Amino acid sequence: MQTHPNSARRGVATALYELLNPIPLGFFVAAWIFDILYMKTFITLWTDAANWLIVLGLIIAVIPRLINLFQVWTGPKSVSDSALKLHFWLNLMAVVLAIFNAFIHSRDAYAVVPAGVILSTLVVVLLLLGNVQLAFRQPVAGGTLR
């Protein structure tokens, strides 16, 4: 007998969010590195790889953003503190910039520099800012992070 079906669903959603949330950051950092490599070498392999990494990062970033949307904005008040809301907005801005970056990378390889590199840098900085500010603002109880 399940007495709290919402808490079980919320637990599954939180687990799925925690599992998928760091993956797009890895894809976007790798795309940023590949953009820098392309800017230094002008070998089109790097910009093609960056394009694929950005698209894969965007595909995977959709699920955590939707879960985060429902947890932060429709969840209980204890969940929706300012750190989580700032984390949500920084990640959402990063995803929107990554969409524009995917369009920049869909052009000819020589048209990627400098706009693609700048957008990749902004995406990585926004994601890192969101994650770092959330890590510093999370309360510590009994020696473990909540």
N, C-alpha and C. Protein backbone atom coordinates (compact mmCIF):
# COMPACT_ATOMS: atom_id res chain seq x y z
N MET A 1 0.84 -1.17 0.00
CA MET A 1 0.00 0.00 0.00
C MET A 1 0.88 1.23 0.00
N GLN A 2 0.63 2.08 -0.95
CA GLN A 2 1.43 3.30 -1.07
C GLN A 2 0.63 4.46 -0.51
N THR A 3 1.17 5.06 0.57
CA THR A 3 0.42 6.13 1.22
C THR A 3 0.70 7.49 0.62
N HIS A 4 1.88 7.68 0.04
CA HIS A 4 2.25 8.99 -0.53
C HIS A 4 2.75 8.81 -1.97
N PRO A 5 1.83 8.68 -2.95
CA PRO A 5 2.28 8.48 -4.32
C PRO A 5 3.05 9.68 -4.86
N ASN A 6 2.73 10.90 -4.40
CA ASN A 6 3.45 12.07 -4.88
C ASN A 6 4.89 12.07 -4.43
N SER A 7 5.15 11.62 -3.19
CA SER A 7 6.53 11.60 -2.70
C SER A 7 7.35 10.56 -3.45
N ALA A 8 6.74 9.43 -3.84
CA ALA A 8 7.47 8.43 -4.62
C ALA A 8 7.78 8.96 -6.01
N ARG A 9 6.81 9.65 -6.62
CA ARG A 9 7.05 10.24 -7.94
C ARG A 9 8.11 11.32 -7.86
N ARG A 10 8.04 12.12 -6.79
CA ARG A 10 9.02 13.19 -6.60
C ARG A 10 10.42 12.61 -6.41
N GLY A 11 10.50 11.46 -5.72
CA GLY A 11 11.78 10.79 -5.52
C GLY A 11 12.36 10.27 -6.83
N VAL A 12 11.51 9.69 -7.68
CA VAL A 12 11.96 9.21 -8.98
C VAL A 12 12.40 10.39 -9.85
N ALA A 13 11.62 11.46 -9.82
CA ALA A 13 11.97 12.65 -10.60
C ALA A 13 13.29 13.25 -10.12
N THR A 14 13.49 13.29 -8.82
CA THR A 14 14.74 13.83 -8.28
C THR A 14 15.91 12.94 -8.67
N ALA A 15 15.73 11.63 -8.61
CA ALA A 15 16.81 10.72 -9.00
C ALA A 15 17.14 10.87 -10.49
N LEU A 16 16.12 10.99 -11.32
CA LEU A 16 16.34 11.18 -12.76
C LEU A 16 17.03 12.51 -13.04
N TYR A 17 16.62 13.54 -12.30
CA TYR A 17 17.25 14.85 -12.45
C TYR A 17 18.72 14.79 -12.06
N GLU A 18 19.01 14.19 -10.91
CA GLU A 18 20.40 14.10 -10.44
C GLU A 18 21.26 13.25 -11.38
N LEU A 19 20.65 12.27 -12.03
CA LEU A 19 21.38 11.42 -12.96
C LEU A 19 21.70 12.15 -14.26
N LEU A 20 20.73 12.89 -14.80
CA LEU A 20 20.89 13.50 -16.12
C LEU A 20 21.45 14.92 -16.09
N ASN A 21 21.35 15.64 -14.99
CA ASN A 21 21.75 17.05 -14.96
C ASN A 21 23.22 17.29 -15.29
N PRO A 22 24.17 16.49 -14.82
CA PRO A 22 25.57 16.82 -15.13
C PRO A 22 26.01 16.45 -16.56
N ILE A 23 25.25 15.63 -17.23
CA ILE A 23 25.68 15.15 -18.55
C ILE A 23 25.79 16.28 -19.58
N PRO A 24 24.80 17.17 -19.71
CA PRO A 24 24.95 18.25 -20.70
C PRO A 24 26.16 19.15 -20.45
N LEU A 25 26.51 19.37 -19.19
CA LEU A 25 27.69 20.18 -18.90
C LEU A 25 28.93 19.55 -19.52
N GLY A 26 29.07 18.25 -19.41
CA GLY A 26 30.20 17.57 -20.03
C GLY A 26 30.22 17.73 -21.55
N PHE A 27 29.06 17.60 -22.17
CA PHE A 27 28.97 17.78 -23.62
C PHE A 27 29.33 19.21 -24.02
N PHE A 28 28.82 20.19 -23.27
CA PHE A 28 29.08 21.59 -23.62
C PHE A 28 30.53 21.99 -23.36
N VAL A 29 31.15 21.45 -22.31
CA VAL A 29 32.57 21.73 -22.07
C VAL A 29 33.43 21.12 -23.18
N ALA A 30 33.09 19.90 -23.58
CA ALA A 30 33.84 19.27 -24.68
C ALA A 30 33.66 20.06 -25.98
N ALA A 31 32.44 20.55 -26.25
CA ALA A 31 32.21 21.36 -27.45
C ALA A 31 33.00 22.65 -27.38
N TRP A 32 33.09 23.25 -26.21
CA TRP A 32 33.86 24.48 -26.02
C TRP A 32 35.34 24.22 -26.31
N ILE A 33 35.86 23.11 -25.80
CA ILE A 33 37.26 22.76 -26.05
C ILE A 33 37.48 22.52 -27.54
N PHE A 34 36.54 21.84 -28.18
CA PHE A 34 36.67 21.59 -29.62
C PHE A 34 36.60 22.89 -30.42
N ASP A 35 35.77 23.82 -29.98
CA ASP A 35 35.72 25.13 -30.64
C ASP A 35 37.05 25.86 -30.53
N ILE A 36 37.67 25.79 -29.38
CA ILE A 36 38.98 26.43 -29.19
C ILE A 36 40.02 25.73 -30.07
N LEU A 37 39.96 24.41 -30.13
CA LEU A 37 40.89 23.68 -31.00
C LEU A 37 40.68 24.06 -32.47
N TYR A 38 39.43 24.21 -32.88
CA TYR A 38 39.17 24.61 -34.26
C TYR A 38 39.69 26.02 -34.52
N MET A 39 39.51 26.91 -33.55
CA MET A 39 39.97 28.29 -33.72
C MET A 39 41.49 28.34 -33.87
N LYS A 40 42.20 27.41 -33.23
CA LYS A 40 43.66 27.38 -33.31
C LYS A 40 44.19 26.63 -34.54
N THR A 41 43.46 25.61 -35.01
CA THR A 41 43.98 24.77 -36.08
C THR A 41 43.24 24.90 -37.40
N PHE A 42 41.97 25.32 -37.37
CA PHE A 42 41.10 25.40 -38.55
C PHE A 42 40.94 24.05 -39.25
N ILE A 43 40.96 22.99 -38.47
CA ILE A 43 40.64 21.66 -38.97
C ILE A 43 39.14 21.45 -38.73
N THR A 44 38.40 21.22 -39.80
CA THR A 44 36.93 21.20 -39.71
C THR A 44 36.40 20.05 -38.86
N LEU A 45 37.21 19.05 -38.62
CA LEU A 45 36.79 17.95 -37.75
C LEU A 45 36.35 18.47 -36.39
N TRP A 46 37.05 19.46 -35.85
CA TRP A 46 36.74 19.97 -34.51
C TRP A 46 35.39 20.67 -34.46
N THR A 47 35.08 21.45 -35.46
CA THR A 47 33.79 22.15 -35.45
C THR A 47 32.63 21.19 -35.72
N ASP A 48 32.87 20.16 -36.54
CA ASP A 48 31.83 19.15 -36.74
C ASP A 48 31.56 18.38 -35.45
N ALA A 49 32.61 18.03 -34.75
CA ALA A 49 32.45 17.32 -33.47
C ALA A 49 31.76 18.21 -32.45
N ALA A 50 32.12 19.49 -32.41
CA ALA A 50 31.48 20.43 -31.49
C ALA A 50 29.99 20.54 -31.79
N ASN A 51 29.64 20.56 -33.06
CA ASN A 51 28.24 20.63 -33.45
C ASN A 51 27.46 19.43 -32.90
N TRP A 52 27.99 18.23 -33.05
CA TRP A 52 27.33 17.04 -32.55
C TRP A 52 27.23 17.06 -31.03
N LEU A 53 28.28 17.51 -30.38
CA LEU A 53 28.26 17.56 -28.92
C LEU A 53 27.21 18.55 -28.40
N ILE A 54 27.07 19.68 -29.07
CA ILE A 54 26.07 20.67 -28.67
C ILE A 54 24.67 20.11 -28.84
N VAL A 55 24.43 19.44 -29.96
CA VAL A 55 23.10 18.87 -30.20
C VAL A 55 22.79 17.77 -29.18
N LEU A 56 23.75 16.89 -28.91
CA LEU A 56 23.52 15.84 -27.91
C LEU A 56 23.32 16.44 -26.52
N GLY A 57 24.09 17.46 -26.19
CA GLY A 57 23.91 18.13 -24.91
C GLY A 57 22.53 18.75 -24.78
N LEU A 58 22.04 19.34 -25.86
CA LEU A 58 20.69 19.94 -25.84
C LEU A 58 19.61 18.88 -25.69
N ILE A 59 19.77 17.76 -26.37
CA ILE A 59 18.76 16.70 -26.27
C ILE A 59 18.68 16.19 -24.84
N ILE A 60 19.83 15.98 -24.22
CA ILE A 60 19.83 15.45 -22.85
C ILE A 60 19.44 16.53 -21.85
N ALA A 61 19.68 17.81 -22.14
CA ALA A 61 19.39 18.90 -21.20
C ALA A 61 17.90 19.18 -21.05
N VAL A 62 17.10 18.72 -21.96
CA VAL A 62 15.66 19.02 -21.91
C VAL A 62 15.00 18.34 -20.70
N ILE A 63 15.30 17.09 -20.45
CA ILE A 63 14.64 16.34 -19.38
C ILE A 63 14.94 16.95 -18.00
N PRO A 64 16.21 17.20 -17.64
CA PRO A 64 16.44 17.82 -16.33
C PRO A 64 15.82 19.21 -16.19
N ARG A 65 15.77 19.98 -17.29
CA ARG A 65 15.17 21.31 -17.19
C ARG A 65 13.68 21.21 -16.92
N LEU A 66 12.99 20.26 -17.54
CA LEU A 66 11.56 20.08 -17.30
C LEU A 66 11.30 19.62 -15.87
N ILE A 67 12.11 18.68 -15.39
CA ILE A 67 11.97 18.22 -14.00
C ILE A 67 12.23 19.37 -13.05
N ASN A 68 13.28 20.14 -13.31
CA ASN A 68 13.63 21.28 -12.47
C ASN A 68 12.52 22.32 -12.50
N LEU A 69 11.90 22.52 -13.64
CA LEU A 69 10.79 23.47 -13.76
C LEU A 69 9.66 23.10 -12.82
N PHE A 70 9.26 21.84 -12.84
CA PHE A 70 8.14 21.42 -11.99
C PHE A 70 8.52 21.38 -10.52
N GLN A 71 9.74 20.96 -10.20
CA GLN A 71 10.13 20.88 -8.80
C GLN A 71 10.30 22.25 -8.16
N VAL A 72 10.87 23.18 -8.89
CA VAL A 72 11.15 24.49 -8.31
C VAL A 72 9.89 25.36 -8.29
N TRP A 73 9.11 25.33 -9.34
CA TRP A 73 8.01 26.28 -9.44
C TRP A 73 6.68 25.74 -8.98
N THR A 74 6.49 24.42 -8.91
CA THR A 74 5.22 23.88 -8.44
C THR A 74 5.37 23.02 -7.20
N GLY A 75 6.60 22.83 -6.73
CA GLY A 75 6.83 21.99 -5.56
C GLY A 75 6.54 22.71 -4.26
N PRO A 76 6.79 22.03 -3.15
CA PRO A 76 6.59 22.67 -1.85
C PRO A 76 7.55 23.84 -1.66
N LYS A 77 7.18 24.74 -0.77
CA LYS A 77 7.97 25.96 -0.55
C LYS A 77 9.37 25.66 -0.04
N SER A 78 9.57 24.53 0.64
CA SER A 78 10.91 24.21 1.13
C SER A 78 11.87 23.90 -0.01
N VAL A 79 11.32 23.43 -1.13
CA VAL A 79 12.16 23.11 -2.28
C VAL A 79 12.50 24.37 -3.07
N SER A 80 11.57 25.30 -3.13
CA SER A 80 11.74 26.44 -4.03
C SER A 80 12.42 27.62 -3.33
N ASP A 81 13.69 27.47 -2.98
CA ASP A 81 14.41 28.59 -2.41
C ASP A 81 15.13 29.35 -3.52
N SER A 82 15.76 30.44 -3.15
CA SER A 82 16.35 31.32 -4.16
C SER A 82 17.52 30.68 -4.89
N ALA A 83 18.28 29.81 -4.23
CA ALA A 83 19.42 29.16 -4.90
C ALA A 83 18.94 28.25 -6.02
N LEU A 84 17.87 27.52 -5.77
CA LEU A 84 17.33 26.64 -6.81
C LEU A 84 16.74 27.43 -7.97
N LYS A 85 16.09 28.54 -7.64
CA LYS A 85 15.52 29.37 -8.71
C LYS A 85 16.62 30.00 -9.56
N LEU A 86 17.69 30.47 -8.92
CA LEU A 86 18.82 31.03 -9.68
C LEU A 86 19.48 29.95 -10.53
N HIS A 87 19.61 28.75 -9.96
CA HIS A 87 20.16 27.62 -10.71
C HIS A 87 19.30 27.31 -11.93
N PHE A 88 17.97 27.34 -11.75
CA PHE A 88 17.06 27.10 -12.86
C PHE A 88 17.25 28.15 -13.96
N TRP A 89 17.27 29.44 -13.58
CA TRP A 89 17.36 30.50 -14.59
C TRP A 89 18.71 30.48 -15.30
N LEU A 90 19.80 30.24 -14.59
CA LEU A 90 21.11 30.18 -15.23
C LEU A 90 21.18 29.01 -16.21
N ASN A 91 20.65 27.86 -15.82
CA ASN A 91 20.63 26.71 -16.72
C ASN A 91 19.73 26.94 -17.92
N LEU A 92 18.59 27.59 -17.69
CA LEU A 92 17.68 27.87 -18.80
C LEU A 92 18.33 28.84 -19.80
N MET A 93 19.00 29.86 -19.29
CA MET A 93 19.70 30.79 -20.18
C MET A 93 20.81 30.07 -20.95
N ALA A 94 21.50 29.15 -20.30
CA ALA A 94 22.54 28.38 -20.97
C ALA A 94 21.96 27.51 -22.08
N VAL A 95 20.80 26.91 -21.83
CA VAL A 95 20.17 26.07 -22.86
C VAL A 95 19.72 26.92 -24.04
N VAL A 96 19.16 28.10 -23.77
CA VAL A 96 18.74 28.99 -24.86
C VAL A 96 19.95 29.42 -25.69
N LEU A 97 21.04 29.79 -25.01
CA LEU A 97 22.27 30.15 -25.75
C LEU A 97 22.83 28.96 -26.52
N ALA A 98 22.70 27.77 -25.96
CA ALA A 98 23.18 26.57 -26.66
C ALA A 98 22.35 26.30 -27.92
N ILE A 99 21.07 26.64 -27.88
CA ILE A 99 20.23 26.50 -29.09
C ILE A 99 20.74 27.44 -30.18
N PHE A 100 21.01 28.69 -29.81
CA PHE A 100 21.59 29.62 -30.79
C PHE A 100 22.95 29.13 -31.26
N ASN A 101 23.72 28.56 -30.36
CA ASN A 101 25.03 28.04 -30.71
C ASN A 101 24.92 26.87 -31.70
N ALA A 102 23.89 26.05 -31.54
CA ALA A 102 23.68 24.96 -32.49
C ALA A 102 23.39 25.51 -33.89
N PHE A 103 22.63 26.60 -33.95
CA PHE A 103 22.38 27.22 -35.26
C PHE A 103 23.66 27.82 -35.85
N ILE A 104 24.48 28.42 -35.00
CA ILE A 104 25.77 28.96 -35.48
C ILE A 104 26.64 27.83 -36.02
N HIS A 105 26.66 26.71 -35.31
CA HIS A 105 27.50 25.58 -35.73
C HIS A 105 26.93 24.84 -36.94
N SER A 106 25.68 25.09 -37.29
CA SER A 106 25.12 24.43 -38.47
C SER A 106 25.56 25.11 -39.76
N ARG A 107 26.19 26.28 -39.63
CA ARG A 107 26.70 26.98 -40.81
C ARG A 107 28.01 26.35 -41.26
N ASP A 108 28.60 26.97 -42.25
CA ASP A 108 29.90 26.53 -42.73
C ASP A 108 30.93 26.61 -41.61
N ALA A 109 31.90 25.72 -41.62
CA ALA A 109 32.88 25.65 -40.53
C ALA A 109 33.61 26.96 -40.33
N TYR A 110 33.91 27.67 -41.41
CA TYR A 110 34.66 28.92 -41.28
C TYR A 110 33.82 30.06 -40.69
N ALA A 111 32.51 29.89 -40.66
CA ALA A 111 31.63 30.92 -40.10
C ALA A 111 31.39 30.73 -38.60
N VAL A 112 31.97 29.69 -38.02
CA VAL A 112 31.76 29.41 -36.60
C VAL A 112 32.56 30.37 -35.71
N VAL A 113 33.75 30.74 -36.17
CA VAL A 113 34.61 31.63 -35.38
C VAL A 113 34.25 33.05 -35.70
N PRO A 114 34.09 33.93 -34.77
CA PRO A 114 34.23 33.83 -33.31
C PRO A 114 32.92 33.61 -32.58
N ALA A 115 31.76 33.70 -33.27
CA ALA A 115 30.46 33.63 -32.59
C ALA A 115 30.27 32.30 -31.87
N GLY A 116 30.65 31.20 -32.50
CA GLY A 116 30.49 29.89 -31.88
C GLY A 116 31.33 29.74 -30.63
N VAL A 117 32.54 30.25 -30.67
CA VAL A 117 33.43 30.16 -29.51
C VAL A 117 32.88 31.01 -28.36
N ILE A 118 32.40 32.20 -28.69
CA ILE A 118 31.85 33.08 -27.65
C ILE A 118 30.60 32.45 -27.02
N LEU A 119 29.71 31.92 -27.84
CA LEU A 119 28.50 31.29 -27.31
C LEU A 119 28.84 30.04 -26.49
N SER A 120 29.80 29.25 -26.95
CA SER A 120 30.20 28.07 -26.18
C SER A 120 30.78 28.47 -24.83
N THR A 121 31.56 29.55 -24.82
CA THR A 121 32.13 30.04 -23.57
C THR A 121 31.03 30.51 -22.62
N LEU A 122 30.06 31.25 -23.15
CA LEU A 122 28.96 31.74 -22.30
C LEU A 122 28.13 30.59 -21.74
N VAL A 123 27.88 29.57 -22.55
CA VAL A 123 27.10 28.42 -22.09
C VAL A 123 27.82 27.73 -20.94
N VAL A 124 29.12 27.49 -21.10
CA VAL A 124 29.88 26.81 -20.05
C VAL A 124 29.94 27.66 -18.79
N VAL A 125 30.15 28.96 -18.94
CA VAL A 125 30.23 29.84 -17.77
C VAL A 125 28.89 29.87 -17.03
N LEU A 126 27.79 29.97 -17.75
CA LEU A 126 26.47 29.99 -17.09
C LEU A 126 26.18 28.69 -16.35
N LEU A 127 26.50 27.56 -16.97
CA LEU A 127 26.27 26.29 -16.31
C LEU A 127 27.15 26.13 -15.07
N LEU A 128 28.40 26.54 -15.18
CA LEU A 128 29.29 26.44 -14.03
C LEU A 128 28.86 27.38 -12.91
N LEU A 129 28.45 28.59 -13.26
CA LEU A 129 27.96 29.52 -12.23
C LEU A 129 26.73 28.96 -11.52
N GLY A 130 25.82 28.40 -12.27
CA GLY A 130 24.63 27.81 -11.67
C GLY A 130 24.95 26.67 -10.73
N ASN A 131 25.85 25.79 -11.14
CA ASN A 131 26.20 24.65 -10.31
C ASN A 131 27.01 25.06 -9.09
N VAL A 132 27.94 26.00 -9.26
CA VAL A 132 28.78 26.41 -8.13
C VAL A 132 27.97 27.18 -7.10
N GLN A 133 27.12 28.10 -7.54
CA GLN A 133 26.32 28.85 -6.56
C GLN A 133 25.36 27.92 -5.83
N LEU A 134 24.85 26.91 -6.50
CA LEU A 134 23.96 25.96 -5.83
C LEU A 134 24.74 25.12 -4.82
N ALA A 135 25.95 24.73 -5.18
CA ALA A 135 26.76 23.93 -4.26
C ALA A 135 27.13 24.72 -3.01
N PHE A 136 27.41 26.00 -3.15
CA PHE A 136 27.78 26.81 -2.00
C PHE A 136 26.58 27.17 -1.12
N ARG A 137 25.38 27.18 -1.70
CA ARG A 137 24.20 27.58 -0.93
C ARG A 137 23.42 26.41 -0.37
N GLN A 138 23.76 25.18 -0.75
CA GLN A 138 23.04 24.03 -0.23
C GLN A 138 23.35 23.86 1.25
N PRO A 139 22.33 23.69 2.07
CA PRO A 139 22.57 23.50 3.50
C PRO A 139 23.21 22.14 3.78
N VAL A 140 24.07 22.12 4.76
CA VAL A 140 24.74 20.89 5.16
C VAL A 140 24.14 20.47 6.50
N ALA A 141 23.62 19.25 6.57
CA ALA A 141 23.01 18.74 7.80
C ALA A 141 23.64 17.42 8.17
N GLY A 142 24.26 17.36 9.31
CA GLY A 142 24.85 16.12 9.77
C GLY A 142 26.02 15.66 8.94
N GLY A 143 26.69 16.57 8.28
CA GLY A 143 27.87 16.21 7.50
C GLY A 143 27.58 15.76 6.09
N THR A 144 26.30 15.63 5.71
CA THR A 144 25.98 15.22 4.35
C THR A 144 25.18 16.32 3.67
N LEU A 145 25.33 16.41 2.39
CA LEU A 145 24.56 17.39 1.62
C LEU A 145 23.14 16.90 1.43
N ARG A 146 22.24 17.84 1.50
CA ARG A 146 20.84 17.49 1.24
C ARG A 146 20.51 17.79 -0.18
